[in-house]
Structures are given as C-alpha cells and as structure tokens.
Amino acid sequence: MFNNFLRENKISAAILTVIRLYLGYSWFTAGFHKLTGGGFDAAGFLNGAIANPVKGPDGNMVYSWYVHFLESFALPNIDVFNFIVPWGETLIGLGLLLGCLTTAAMFFGLVMNFSFFLAGTVSHNPTDIFLGFIILAAGFNAGKYGLDYWVVPFINKTIRKNKTKATA
C-alpha cells in the first residue's frame, strides 16, 4: 500500500520532488566545492579511515574487509578516487536536481553514502540513506516532475525499438 503511494500518487510525486531537490542540492554543492576548491585529495580521509576504523563494543574492527579494501585498492589508486568522488557527487546532485535518471543517480548516491558510512563518517549519512531509499523505492515517480518525464519514456522506446530490430 505504501509502495503504491510512493510509486503512483501525484501528491507523493510532489513530496518526492522536494526530497529529491534537497538531496540533489546537498550532493551537488559537496561535489562542486571539491571541484572548484583548489584541489581535492581523498588521501587524508582514507588514511584517517584506515587509522581509526569503525570498532564494535569489544574494540575490534567491525568492517575489516572495508579497511582492507581502502588499504589495498583505494589508497594505491588515490588518483582515481580523487577524480571519482568530486565528479560523482556533482553528477549525482545534478541528476537529482534535474530529475534526470533519478533512480540511477540515487543508487550511486547510496553507494557513496554507504562508503562514507563504512569509513566511519556518520554526519548526515543516516538521514541521506533513509531519504535515498525512499527516492529509490519510488522509482519513476521521484523524477516525474523533472526530466525523467521525457527521458525515461524515450529510453524505453529506444530499447524496445532496438530489441525489435535484434529479433527481426
């Protein structure tokens, strides 16, 4: 019942638009400041996450697999992450602000939120994750009052046309 409300109701679409714009603004400004702020470097953040991992009540690392990922993959490829993080944040924000490919933008936003969360940054991530799952669950309706109104039908029409050509 609630899922139908999220996915099909016009009032829900309006509420989702407000949530989408809020999240989009947050993502866009975070990424844009990193792009224009004179050189973003994720090395400090990654080193901090490795030095101070999330620990459970027993004092042991909770996400040792993630710390291993940061040590063995992210830090050695820091140039890739220095590119992906600010551009990813900016493009996620732009997608949400414009309501273009909203569910894809929100999916990647959630991936980044969980990455920050696993690294030990709480900040506003729990709120963003909660709101992000609402946007993701709503699907097309979250971008109905945005470019998705035209983009999603165009993509669906193009995919169907290509499938028809492939089977002919």
C-alpha atoms as a PDB file:
ATOM      1  CA  MET A   1       0.000   0.000   0.000  1.00  0.00           C
ATOM      2  CA  PHE A   2       2.733   2.496   0.978  1.00  0.00           C
ATOM      3  CA  ASN A   3       4.809   1.397  -2.002  1.00  0.00           C
ATOM      4  CA  ASN A   4       1.860   2.083  -4.323  1.00  0.00           C
ATOM      5  CA  PHE A   5       1.520   5.532  -2.766  1.00  0.00           C
ATOM      6  CA  LEU A   6       5.222   6.223  -3.387  1.00  0.00           C
ATOM      7  CA  ARG A   7       5.172   4.913  -6.952  1.00  0.00           C
ATOM      8  CA  GLU A   8       1.827   6.148  -8.296  1.00  0.00           C
ATOM      9  CA  ASN A   9       0.429   9.097  -6.344  1.00  0.00           C
ATOM     10  CA  LYS A  10       0.716  12.711  -7.599  1.00  0.00           C
ATOM     11  CA  ILE A  11       0.947  14.089  -4.059  1.00  0.00           C
ATOM     12  CA  SER A  12       3.736  11.628  -3.404  1.00  0.00           C
ATOM     13  CA  ALA A  13       5.482  12.817  -6.589  1.00  0.00           C
ATOM     14  CA  ALA A  14       5.408  16.383  -5.263  1.00  0.00           C
ATOM     15  CA  ILE A  15       6.783  15.337  -1.850  1.00  0.00           C
ATOM     16  CA  LEU A  16       9.436  13.216  -3.548  1.00  0.00           C
ATOM     17  CA  THR A  17      10.420  16.214  -5.670  1.00  0.00           C
ATOM     18  CA  VAL A  18      11.118  18.242  -2.524  1.00  0.00           C
ATOM     19  CA  ILE A  19      13.192  15.392  -1.043  1.00  0.00           C
ATOM     20  CA  ARG A  20      14.979  14.900  -4.385  1.00  0.00           C
ATOM     21  CA  LEU A  21      15.816  18.613  -4.628  1.00  0.00           C
ATOM     22  CA  TYR A  22      17.123  18.665  -1.055  1.00  0.00           C
ATOM     23  CA  LEU A  23      19.383  15.661  -1.648  1.00  0.00           C
ATOM     24  CA  GLY A  24      20.400  16.949  -5.079  1.00  0.00           C
ATOM     25  CA  TYR A  25      21.440  20.303  -3.659  1.00  0.00           C
ATOM     26  CA  SER A  26      23.453  18.595  -0.914  1.00  0.00           C
ATOM     27  CA  TRP A  27      25.256  16.299  -3.367  1.00  0.00           C
ATOM     28  CA  PHE A  28      25.820  18.991  -5.990  1.00  0.00           C
ATOM     29  CA  THR A  29      27.260  21.581  -3.607  1.00  0.00           C
ATOM     30  CA  ALA A  30      29.520  18.997  -1.909  1.00  0.00           C
ATOM     31  CA  GLY A  31      30.930  17.879  -5.260  1.00  0.00           C
ATOM     32  CA  PHE A  32      31.115  21.346  -6.793  1.00  0.00           C
ATOM     33  CA  HIS A  33      33.079  22.703  -3.812  1.00  0.00           C
ATOM     34  CA  LYS A  34      35.542  19.835  -4.177  1.00  0.00           C
ATOM     35  CA  LEU A  35      35.932  20.517  -7.909  1.00  0.00           C
ATOM     36  CA  THR A  36      36.407  24.269  -7.547  1.00  0.00           C
ATOM     37  CA  GLY A  37      38.033  24.442  -4.115  1.00  0.00           C
ATOM     38  CA  GLY A  38      41.621  24.200  -5.283  1.00  0.00           C
ATOM     39  CA  GLY A  39      42.414  20.528  -5.353  1.00  0.00           C
ATOM     40  CA  PHE A  40      40.549  17.744  -3.604  1.00  0.00           C
ATOM     41  CA  ASP A  41      42.643  14.963  -2.096  1.00  0.00           C
ATOM     42  CA  ALA A  42      40.941  11.916  -0.563  1.00  0.00           C
ATOM     43  CA  ALA A  43      44.215  10.529   0.839  1.00  0.00           C
ATOM     44  CA  GLY A  44      43.764  12.207   4.217  1.00  0.00           C
ATOM     45  CA  PHE A  45      40.236  10.877   4.589  1.00  0.00           C
ATOM     46  CA  LEU A  46      41.281   7.355   3.556  1.00  0.00           C
ATOM     47  CA  ASN A  47      44.309   7.354   5.862  1.00  0.00           C
ATOM     48  CA  GLY A  48      42.058   8.513   8.713  1.00  0.00           C
ATOM     49  CA  ALA A  49      39.524   5.773   7.979  1.00  0.00           C
ATOM     50  CA  ILE A  50      42.321   3.181   7.977  1.00  0.00           C
ATOM     51  CA  ALA A  51      43.949   4.529  11.168  1.00  0.00           C
ATOM     52  CA  ASN A  52      40.619   4.853  13.016  1.00  0.00           C
ATOM     53  CA  PRO A  53      38.313   2.146  11.698  1.00  0.00           C
ATOM     54  CA  VAL A  54      34.780   1.606  12.950  1.00  0.00           C
ATOM     55  CA  LYS A  55      35.009  -0.506  16.098  1.00  0.00           C
ATOM     56  CA  GLY A  56      32.406  -2.548  17.903  1.00  0.00           C
ATOM     57  CA  PRO A  57      31.749  -2.615  21.658  1.00  0.00           C
ATOM     58  CA  ASP A  58      34.504  -5.228  22.055  1.00  0.00           C
ATOM     59  CA  GLY A  59      37.065  -2.866  20.471  1.00  0.00           C
ATOM     60  CA  ASN A  60      37.532  -4.965  17.319  1.00  0.00           C
ATOM     61  CA  MET A  61      37.109  -3.643  13.790  1.00  0.00           C
ATOM     62  CA  VAL A  62      33.566  -4.065  12.532  1.00  0.00           C
ATOM     63  CA  TYR A  63      34.297  -3.678   8.821  1.00  0.00           C
ATOM     64  CA  SER A  64      37.781  -5.137   8.475  1.00  0.00           C
ATOM     65  CA  TRP A  65      37.009  -6.115   4.860  1.00  0.00           C
ATOM     66  CA  TYR A  66      36.351  -2.438   4.059  1.00  0.00           C
ATOM     67  CA  VAL A  67      39.565  -1.283   5.753  1.00  0.00           C
ATOM     68  CA  HIS A  68      41.393  -3.912   3.695  1.00  0.00           C
ATOM     69  CA  PHE A  69      39.723  -2.541   0.535  1.00  0.00           C
ATOM     70  CA  LEU A  70      40.829   1.005   1.439  1.00  0.00           C
ATOM     71  CA  GLU A  71      44.410  -0.124   2.154  1.00  0.00           C
ATOM     72  CA  SER A  72      44.888  -2.436  -0.799  1.00  0.00           C
ATOM     73  CA  PHE A  73      42.808  -0.772  -3.525  1.00  0.00           C
ATOM     74  CA  ALA A  74      41.604   2.751  -2.757  1.00  0.00           C
ATOM     75  CA  LEU A  75      44.832   4.224  -1.384  1.00  0.00           C
ATOM     76  CA  PRO A  76      47.096   2.805  -4.132  1.00  0.00           C
ATOM     77  CA  ASN A  77      44.633   4.209  -6.707  1.00  0.00           C
ATOM     78  CA  ILE A  78      44.101   7.548  -4.993  1.00  0.00           C
ATOM     79  CA  ASP A  79      44.200   9.478  -8.281  1.00  0.00           C
ATOM     80  CA  VAL A  80      41.151   7.555  -9.496  1.00  0.00           C
ATOM     81  CA  PHE A  81      39.275   8.299  -6.259  1.00  0.00           C
ATOM     82  CA  ASN A  82      40.332  11.962  -6.373  1.00  0.00           C
ATOM     83  CA  PHE A  83      38.568  12.104  -9.739  1.00  0.00           C
ATOM     84  CA  ILE A  84      35.563   9.871  -8.999  1.00  0.00           C
ATOM     85  CA  VAL A  85      34.472  11.401  -5.675  1.00  0.00           C
ATOM     86  CA  PRO A  86      34.025  15.066  -6.667  1.00  0.00           C
ATOM     87  CA  TRP A  87      32.668  14.272 -10.140  1.00  0.00           C
ATOM     88  CA  GLY A  88      30.430  11.537  -8.755  1.00  0.00           C
ATOM     89  CA  GLU A  89      28.990  13.846  -6.105  1.00  0.00           C
ATOM     90  CA  THR A  90      28.448  16.621  -8.643  1.00  0.00           C
ATOM     91  CA  LEU A  91      26.773  14.361 -11.214  1.00  0.00           C
ATOM     92  CA  ILE A  92      24.602  12.655  -8.589  1.00  0.00           C
ATOM     93  CA  GLY A  93      23.486  16.094  -7.436  1.00  0.00           C
ATOM     94  CA  LEU A  94      22.827  17.253 -10.985  1.00  0.00           C
ATOM     95  CA  GLY A  95      20.796  14.128 -11.765  1.00  0.00           C
ATOM     96  CA  LEU A  96      18.697  14.615  -8.643  1.00  0.00           C
ATOM     97  CA  LEU A  97      18.251  18.366  -9.129  1.00  0.00           C
ATOM     98  CA  LEU A  98      17.143  17.931 -12.725  1.00  0.00           C
ATOM     99  CA  GLY A  99      15.195  14.749 -12.054  1.00  0.00           C
ATOM    100  CA  CYS A 100      17.149  13.049 -14.835  1.00  0.00           C
ATOM    101  CA  LEU A 101      17.921   9.338 -14.417  1.00  0.00           C
ATOM    102  CA  THR A 102      16.801   9.833 -10.834  1.00  0.00           C
ATOM    103  CA  THR A 103      16.896   6.204  -9.714  1.00  0.00           C
ATOM    104  CA  ALA A 104      20.382   5.684 -11.179  1.00  0.00           C
ATOM    105  CA  ALA A 105      21.646   8.876  -9.545  1.00  0.00           C
ATOM    106  CA  MET A 106      20.136   7.851  -6.211  1.00  0.00           C
ATOM    107  CA  PHE A 107      21.576   4.335  -6.449  1.00  0.00           C
ATOM    108  CA  PHE A 108      25.086   5.742  -6.890  1.00  0.00           C
ATOM    109  CA  GLY A 109      24.399   8.299  -4.169  1.00  0.00           C
ATOM    110  CA  LEU A 110      23.538   5.471  -1.801  1.00  0.00           C
ATOM    111  CA  VAL A 111      26.720   3.606  -2.786  1.00  0.00           C
ATOM    112  CA  MET A 112      28.729   6.707  -1.876  1.00  0.00           C
ATOM    113  CA  ASN A 113      26.740   7.268   1.356  1.00  0.00           C
ATOM    114  CA  PHE A 114      27.412   3.698   2.453  1.00  0.00           C
ATOM    115  CA  SER A 115      31.090   4.054   1.525  1.00  0.00           C
ATOM    116  CA  PHE A 116      31.417   7.124   3.738  1.00  0.00           C
ATOM    117  CA  PHE A 117      29.427   5.391   6.476  1.00  0.00           C
ATOM    118  CA  LEU A 118      31.614   2.249   6.378  1.00  0.00           C
ATOM    119  CA  ALA A 119      34.666   4.502   6.663  1.00  0.00           C
ATOM    120  CA  GLY A 120      33.300   5.854   9.940  1.00  0.00           C
ATOM    121  CA  THR A 121      31.770   9.154   8.846  1.00  0.00           C
ATOM    122  CA  VAL A 122      28.340   9.446  10.395  1.00  0.00           C
ATOM    123  CA  SER A 123      27.499  13.135   9.768  1.00  0.00           C
ATOM    124  CA  HIS A 124      24.242  13.353   7.780  1.00  0.00           C
ATOM    125  CA  ASN A 125      24.721   9.970   6.076  1.00  0.00           C
ATOM    126  CA  PRO A 126      21.961   8.134   8.017  1.00  0.00           C
ATOM    127  CA  THR A 127      19.408  10.797   7.022  1.00  0.00           C
ATOM    128  CA  ASP A 128      20.620  10.798   3.419  1.00  0.00           C
ATOM    129  CA  ILE A 129      20.452   6.996   3.295  1.00  0.00           C
ATOM    130  CA  PHE A 130      16.900   6.984   4.673  1.00  0.00           C
ATOM    131  CA  LEU A 131      15.716   9.639   2.211  1.00  0.00           C
ATOM    132  CA  GLY A 132      17.672   7.970  -0.594  1.00  0.00           C
ATOM    133  CA  PHE A 133      15.885   4.663  -0.078  1.00  0.00           C
ATOM    134  CA  ILE A 134      12.545   6.482  -0.244  1.00  0.00           C
ATOM    135  CA  ILE A 135      13.578   8.010  -3.594  1.00  0.00           C
ATOM    136  CA  LEU A 136      14.862   4.656  -4.845  1.00  0.00           C
ATOM    137  CA  ALA A 137      11.690   2.822  -3.786  1.00  0.00           C
ATOM    138  CA  ALA A 138       9.532   5.418  -5.541  1.00  0.00           C
ATOM    139  CA  GLY A 139      11.246   4.760  -8.867  1.00  0.00           C
ATOM    140  CA  PHE A 140       9.947   6.834 -11.786  1.00  0.00           C
ATOM    141  CA  ASN A 141       7.561   8.832  -9.593  1.00  0.00           C
ATOM    142  CA  ALA A 142      10.527  10.519  -7.872  1.00  0.00           C
ATOM    143  CA  GLY A 143      11.567  12.069 -11.192  1.00  0.00           C
ATOM    144  CA  LYS A 144       8.074  12.587 -12.600  1.00  0.00           C
ATOM    145  CA  TYR A 145       8.330  16.341 -12.032  1.00  0.00           C
ATOM    146  CA  GLY A 146      11.695  16.508 -13.724  1.00  0.00           C
ATOM    147  CA  LEU A 147      13.453  15.449 -16.910  1.00  0.00           C
ATOM    148  CA  ASP A 148      12.588  11.797 -16.270  1.00  0.00           C
ATOM    149  CA  TYR A 149       9.080  12.634 -17.503  1.00  0.00           C
ATOM    150  CA  TRP A 150      10.604  12.778 -21.022  1.00  0.00           C
ATOM    151  CA  VAL A 151      13.873  10.856 -20.657  1.00  0.00           C
ATOM    152  CA  VAL A 152      12.538   7.561 -19.268  1.00  0.00           C
ATOM    153  CA  PRO A 153       9.871   7.078 -21.996  1.00  0.00           C
ATOM    154  CA  PHE A 154      12.473   7.961 -24.647  1.00  0.00           C
ATOM    155  CA  ILE A 155      14.906   5.360 -23.258  1.00  0.00           C
ATOM    156  CA  ASN A 156      12.145   2.729 -23.027  1.00  0.00           C
ATOM    157  CA  LYS A 157      11.051   3.457 -26.606  1.00  0.00           C
ATOM    158  CA  THR A 158      14.645   3.266 -27.862  1.00  0.00           C
ATOM    159  CA  ILE A 159      15.303  -0.020 -26.056  1.00  0.00           C
ATOM    160  CA  ARG A 160      12.108  -1.567 -27.436  1.00  0.00           C
ATOM    161  CA  LYS A 161      12.997  -0.428 -30.959  1.00  0.00           C
ATOM    162  CA  ASN A 162      16.483  -1.955 -30.668  1.00  0.00           C
ATOM    163  CA  LYS A 163      15.066  -5.224 -29.288  1.00  0.00           C
ATOM    164  CA  THR A 164      12.632  -5.408 -32.218  1.00  0.00           C
ATOM    165  CA  LYS A 165      15.493  -4.930 -34.705  1.00  0.00           C
ATOM    166  CA  ALA A 166      17.601  -7.566 -32.941  1.00  0.00           C
ATOM    167  CA  THR A 167      14.863 -10.211 -33.070  1.00  0.00           C
ATOM    168  CA  ALA A 168      13.882  -9.486 -36.699  1.00  0.00           C
END
